[in-house]
Amino acid sequence: MHGKGVPKNDETALGWYMKAAENGSVNARRNIGVCYRDGIGTKQSYREALVWFTRGAENGDVDSQYNTAVLYNVGYQDEIEKDYKMAYLWFKIAAENDHVPAQYALGLLYHEGHGISQDYSKALTWFTRVADRDKTGGAYNNIGHMYEKGLGVVPDYKKAMGFYLKASYKGNSTANDNIGQLFENGLGVLKDDTEAIEYYKKSAEKGNKSGQLHLGIMY
């Protein structure tokens, strides 16, 4: 798949992954799952991807555990029925194995109550656990949102702003939009339309629809 020292040939790569998988390679099982999921060297098949990711997951491969969860969480047309309970099961296993995206995803499931009872306290626990290592800033943004709206915590606009700023530092466009709204409405900070516009611009320039809308309203 990488063409290192030989011409790149995805079909040949897949053939060797199959042989390695037959000999018990967990990494090969994951790679086969990726090939089927992304249509690399073979016809795309989410159903086959799930088969191979599940085999890797059951053998302890944390990336396979996460990928299995994602397929169940999203569902794909007629190939895979959306199943939040199975998504939760595999996200939780991967999260407990210290997989950062799985920890974030588990927080989202608790936050939204998908496949499990909604539990803001557990959502906050997982978001907090992963926030520093979450490169997207999504966890910090979600913590900020929980403090802004009082979801499982006492509402606190100043704390919300603090977490939004941490998310903004990581380039999170939703956080920038949220910061803009706090400045525009004077929530937890002095009302400041200039600052609001600055953060709406940061959000809008990254393609955030809400940021674009709010920026348009300001003009």
Protein backbone atom coordinates (compact mmCIF):
# COMPACT_ATOMS: atom_id res chain seq x y z
CA MET A 1 0.00 0.00 0.00
CA HIS A 2 3.00 2.33 0.41
CA GLY A 3 5.18 1.47 -2.57
CA LYS A 4 8.38 1.21 -0.54
CA GLY A 5 11.10 -0.26 -2.76
CA VAL A 6 8.50 -1.68 -5.17
CA PRO A 7 5.79 -0.20 -7.39
CA LYS A 8 2.69 0.60 -5.35
CA ASN A 9 0.11 -2.16 -5.78
CA ASP A 10 -2.87 -2.21 -3.43
CA GLU A 11 -4.21 -5.54 -4.70
CA THR A 12 -0.89 -7.25 -4.00
CA ALA A 13 -0.70 -5.61 -0.59
CA LEU A 14 -4.15 -6.91 0.27
CA GLY A 15 -3.13 -10.41 -0.82
CA TRP A 16 -0.19 -10.39 1.57
CA TYR A 17 -2.34 -8.99 4.36
CA MET A 18 -4.67 -11.95 3.83
CA LYS A 19 -1.77 -14.39 4.17
CA ALA A 20 -0.54 -12.63 7.30
CA ALA A 21 -4.04 -12.68 8.76
CA GLU A 22 -4.29 -16.41 8.13
CA ASN A 23 -1.10 -16.77 10.16
CA GLY A 24 -2.61 -14.86 13.06
CA SER A 25 -1.44 -11.27 12.45
CA VAL A 26 -3.78 -8.89 14.27
CA ASN A 27 -2.32 -5.88 12.46
CA ALA A 28 -3.06 -7.55 9.13
CA ARG A 29 -6.68 -8.05 10.14
CA ARG A 30 -6.96 -4.35 10.90
CA ASN A 31 -5.33 -3.42 7.60
CA ILE A 32 -7.71 -5.68 5.70
CA GLY A 33 -10.57 -3.91 7.44
CA VAL A 34 -9.17 -0.57 6.29
CA CYS A 35 -8.89 -1.87 2.71
CA TYR A 36 -12.53 -2.94 2.64
CA ARG A 37 -13.74 0.20 4.41
CA ASP A 38 -11.91 2.55 2.06
CA GLY A 39 -12.03 0.47 -1.11
CA ILE A 40 -8.26 0.02 -1.32
CA GLY A 41 -7.21 -2.86 -3.56
CA THR A 42 -10.75 -4.23 -3.51
CA LYS A 43 -14.37 -3.20 -3.90
CA GLN A 44 -15.53 -1.15 -0.94
CA SER A 45 -17.56 -3.20 1.52
CA TYR A 46 -18.45 -1.92 4.97
CA ARG A 47 -19.83 -5.34 5.86
CA GLU A 48 -16.50 -7.02 5.13
CA ALA A 49 -14.68 -4.20 6.91
CA LEU A 50 -16.75 -4.89 10.00
CA VAL A 51 -15.92 -8.59 9.83
CA TRP A 52 -12.19 -7.90 9.78
CA PHE A 53 -12.20 -5.08 12.30
CA THR A 54 -14.20 -7.29 14.66
CA ARG A 55 -11.62 -10.06 14.31
CA GLY A 56 -8.89 -7.61 15.19
CA ALA A 57 -10.94 -6.15 18.02
CA GLU A 58 -11.59 -9.53 19.58
CA ASN A 59 -7.84 -10.14 19.56
CA GLY A 60 -7.15 -6.97 21.52
CA ASP A 61 -6.19 -4.51 18.78
CA VAL A 62 -7.34 -1.15 20.13
CA ASP A 63 -7.58 0.57 16.73
CA SER A 64 -9.76 -2.28 15.49
CA GLN A 65 -11.93 -1.91 18.58
CA TYR A 66 -12.39 1.77 17.79
CA ASN A 67 -13.04 1.16 14.08
CA THR A 68 -15.62 -1.51 14.92
CA ALA A 69 -17.39 0.94 17.20
CA VAL A 70 -17.40 3.66 14.54
CA LEU A 71 -19.04 1.38 11.98
CA TYR A 72 -21.81 0.48 14.42
CA ASN A 73 -22.16 4.09 15.55
CA VAL A 74 -22.57 5.47 12.04
CA GLY A 75 -24.28 2.61 10.20
CA TYR A 76 -23.82 2.30 6.46
CA GLN A 77 -26.83 2.09 4.17
CA ASP A 78 -27.94 -1.51 3.77
CA GLU A 79 -24.63 -3.01 4.86
CA ILE A 80 -24.48 -2.25 8.58
CA GLU A 81 -27.44 -1.40 10.77
CA LYS A 82 -26.76 1.41 13.21
CA ASP A 83 -26.36 -0.12 16.66
CA TYR A 84 -25.53 2.29 19.49
CA LYS A 85 -25.30 -0.50 22.05
CA MET A 86 -22.59 -2.29 20.09
CA ALA A 87 -20.90 1.05 19.44
CA TYR A 88 -20.92 1.74 23.17
CA LEU A 89 -19.50 -1.71 23.94
CA TRP A 90 -16.51 -1.30 21.64
CA PHE A 91 -15.92 2.38 22.36
CA LYS A 92 -15.82 1.53 26.06
CA ILE A 93 -13.35 -1.32 25.57
CA ALA A 94 -11.09 0.86 23.41
CA ALA A 95 -11.44 3.79 25.82
CA GLU A 96 -10.40 1.63 28.75
CA ASN A 97 -7.38 0.66 26.65
CA ASP A 98 -6.47 4.38 26.52
CA HIS A 99 -7.56 5.06 22.93
CA VAL A 100 -8.04 8.85 22.79
CA PRO A 101 -10.70 9.12 20.03
CA ALA A 102 -12.64 6.30 21.71
CA GLN A 103 -12.59 8.14 25.03
CA TYR A 104 -13.96 11.24 23.33
CA ALA A 105 -16.61 9.21 21.49
CA LEU A 106 -17.65 7.52 24.74
CA GLY A 107 -18.13 10.94 26.29
CA LEU A 108 -20.39 11.87 23.39
CA LEU A 109 -22.50 8.73 23.83
CA TYR A 110 -23.04 9.53 27.51
CA HIS A 111 -23.76 13.16 26.62
CA GLU A 112 -26.36 12.28 24.00
CA GLY A 113 -27.72 9.11 25.61
CA HIS A 114 -27.15 6.94 22.54
CA GLY A 115 -27.30 3.24 23.38
CA ILE A 116 -27.06 4.03 27.09
CA SER A 117 -28.83 6.20 29.64
CA GLN A 118 -27.85 9.84 29.31
CA ASP A 119 -25.35 10.65 32.03
CA TYR A 120 -23.78 14.11 32.01
CA SER A 121 -21.54 13.25 34.95
CA LYS A 122 -19.92 10.36 33.06
CA ALA A 123 -19.76 12.45 29.90
CA LEU A 124 -17.86 15.13 31.80
CA THR A 125 -15.56 12.51 33.30
CA TRP A 126 -14.55 11.17 29.88
CA PHE A 127 -14.28 14.60 28.26
CA THR A 128 -12.05 15.74 31.12
CA ARG A 129 -9.93 12.60 30.92
CA VAL A 130 -9.22 13.07 27.24
CA ALA A 131 -9.24 16.86 26.88
CA ASP A 132 -5.49 17.53 27.06
CA ARG A 133 -4.70 14.84 24.47
CA ASP A 134 -7.64 15.56 22.16
CA LYS A 135 -6.04 17.40 19.24
CA THR A 136 -9.39 18.65 17.89
CA GLY A 137 -10.32 20.66 20.97
CA GLY A 138 -13.73 19.00 20.87
CA ALA A 139 -13.54 17.74 24.45
CA TYR A 140 -12.71 21.17 25.86
CA ASN A 141 -15.49 22.69 23.77
CA ASN A 142 -18.01 20.17 25.06
CA ILE A 143 -16.95 20.78 28.67
CA GLY A 144 -17.41 24.49 28.05
CA HIS A 145 -20.86 23.86 26.60
CA MET A 146 -21.84 21.84 29.66
CA TYR A 147 -20.86 24.70 31.94
CA GLU A 148 -22.60 27.25 29.73
CA LYS A 149 -25.88 25.31 29.68
CA GLY A 150 -25.65 23.77 33.15
CA LEU A 151 -25.64 20.17 31.95
CA GLY A 152 -24.76 18.08 34.99
CA VAL A 153 -22.95 21.05 36.53
CA VAL A 154 -23.86 24.42 38.01
CA PRO A 155 -24.02 26.94 35.13
CA ASP A 156 -20.86 29.04 35.06
CA TYR A 157 -20.19 31.31 32.09
CA LYS A 158 -16.66 32.15 33.23
CA LYS A 159 -15.70 28.47 33.40
CA ALA A 160 -17.41 27.93 30.06
CA MET A 161 -15.30 30.70 28.54
CA GLY A 162 -12.14 29.21 30.00
CA PHE A 163 -12.77 25.83 28.42
CA TYR A 164 -13.87 27.39 25.12
CA LEU A 165 -10.58 29.31 25.01
CA LYS A 166 -8.63 26.08 25.54
CA ALA A 167 -10.55 24.55 22.65
CA SER A 168 -9.97 27.66 20.54
CA TYR A 169 -6.23 27.36 21.13
CA LYS A 170 -6.46 23.95 19.44
CA GLY A 171 -8.24 25.52 16.48
CA ASN A 172 -11.77 24.34 17.26
CA SER A 173 -14.17 26.33 15.08
CA THR A 174 -17.25 25.56 17.20
CA ALA A 175 -15.49 26.89 20.28
CA ASN A 176 -14.63 30.10 18.44
CA ASP A 177 -18.29 30.52 17.53
CA ASN A 178 -19.28 29.89 21.15
CA ILE A 179 -16.75 32.44 22.41
CA GLY A 180 -18.15 34.94 19.94
CA GLN A 181 -21.64 34.43 21.35
CA LEU A 182 -20.45 34.94 24.93
CA PHE A 183 -18.75 38.21 23.95
CA GLU A 184 -21.73 39.36 21.89
CA ASN A 185 -24.15 38.74 24.75
CA GLY A 186 -21.87 39.68 27.64
CA LEU A 187 -22.10 36.30 29.33
CA GLY A 188 -19.27 35.75 31.81
CA VAL A 189 -17.34 38.59 30.17
CA LEU A 190 -17.91 42.25 29.37
CA LYS A 191 -20.00 42.64 26.23
CA ASP A 192 -17.58 43.28 23.37
CA ASP A 193 -18.78 43.21 19.77
CA THR A 194 -15.24 43.66 18.44
CA GLU A 195 -14.07 40.51 20.21
CA ALA A 196 -17.24 38.71 19.12
CA ILE A 197 -16.52 39.55 15.48
CA GLU A 198 -12.91 38.41 15.82
CA TYR A 199 -13.95 34.97 17.06
CA TYR A 200 -16.83 34.66 14.61
CA LYS A 201 -14.30 35.32 11.83
CA LYS A 202 -12.00 32.59 13.16
CA SER A 203 -14.92 30.20 13.16
CA ALA A 204 -16.29 31.27 9.78
CA GLU A 205 -12.93 31.05 8.04
CA LYS A 206 -12.77 27.36 8.97
CA GLY A 207 -16.12 26.76 7.32
CA ASN A 208 -18.26 26.68 10.46
CA LYS A 209 -21.83 27.44 9.34
CA SER A 210 -22.92 28.84 12.68
CA GLY A 211 -19.88 31.11 12.80
CA GLN A 212 -20.60 32.29 9.26
CA LEU A 213 -24.22 33.01 10.17
CA HIS A 214 -23.34 34.95 13.31
CA LEU A 215 -20.67 36.92 11.45
CA GLY A 216 -23.19 37.81 8.76
CA ILE A 217 -25.66 39.00 11.40
CA MET A 218 -23.00 41.23 12.96
CA TYR A 219 -22.48 42.97 9.61
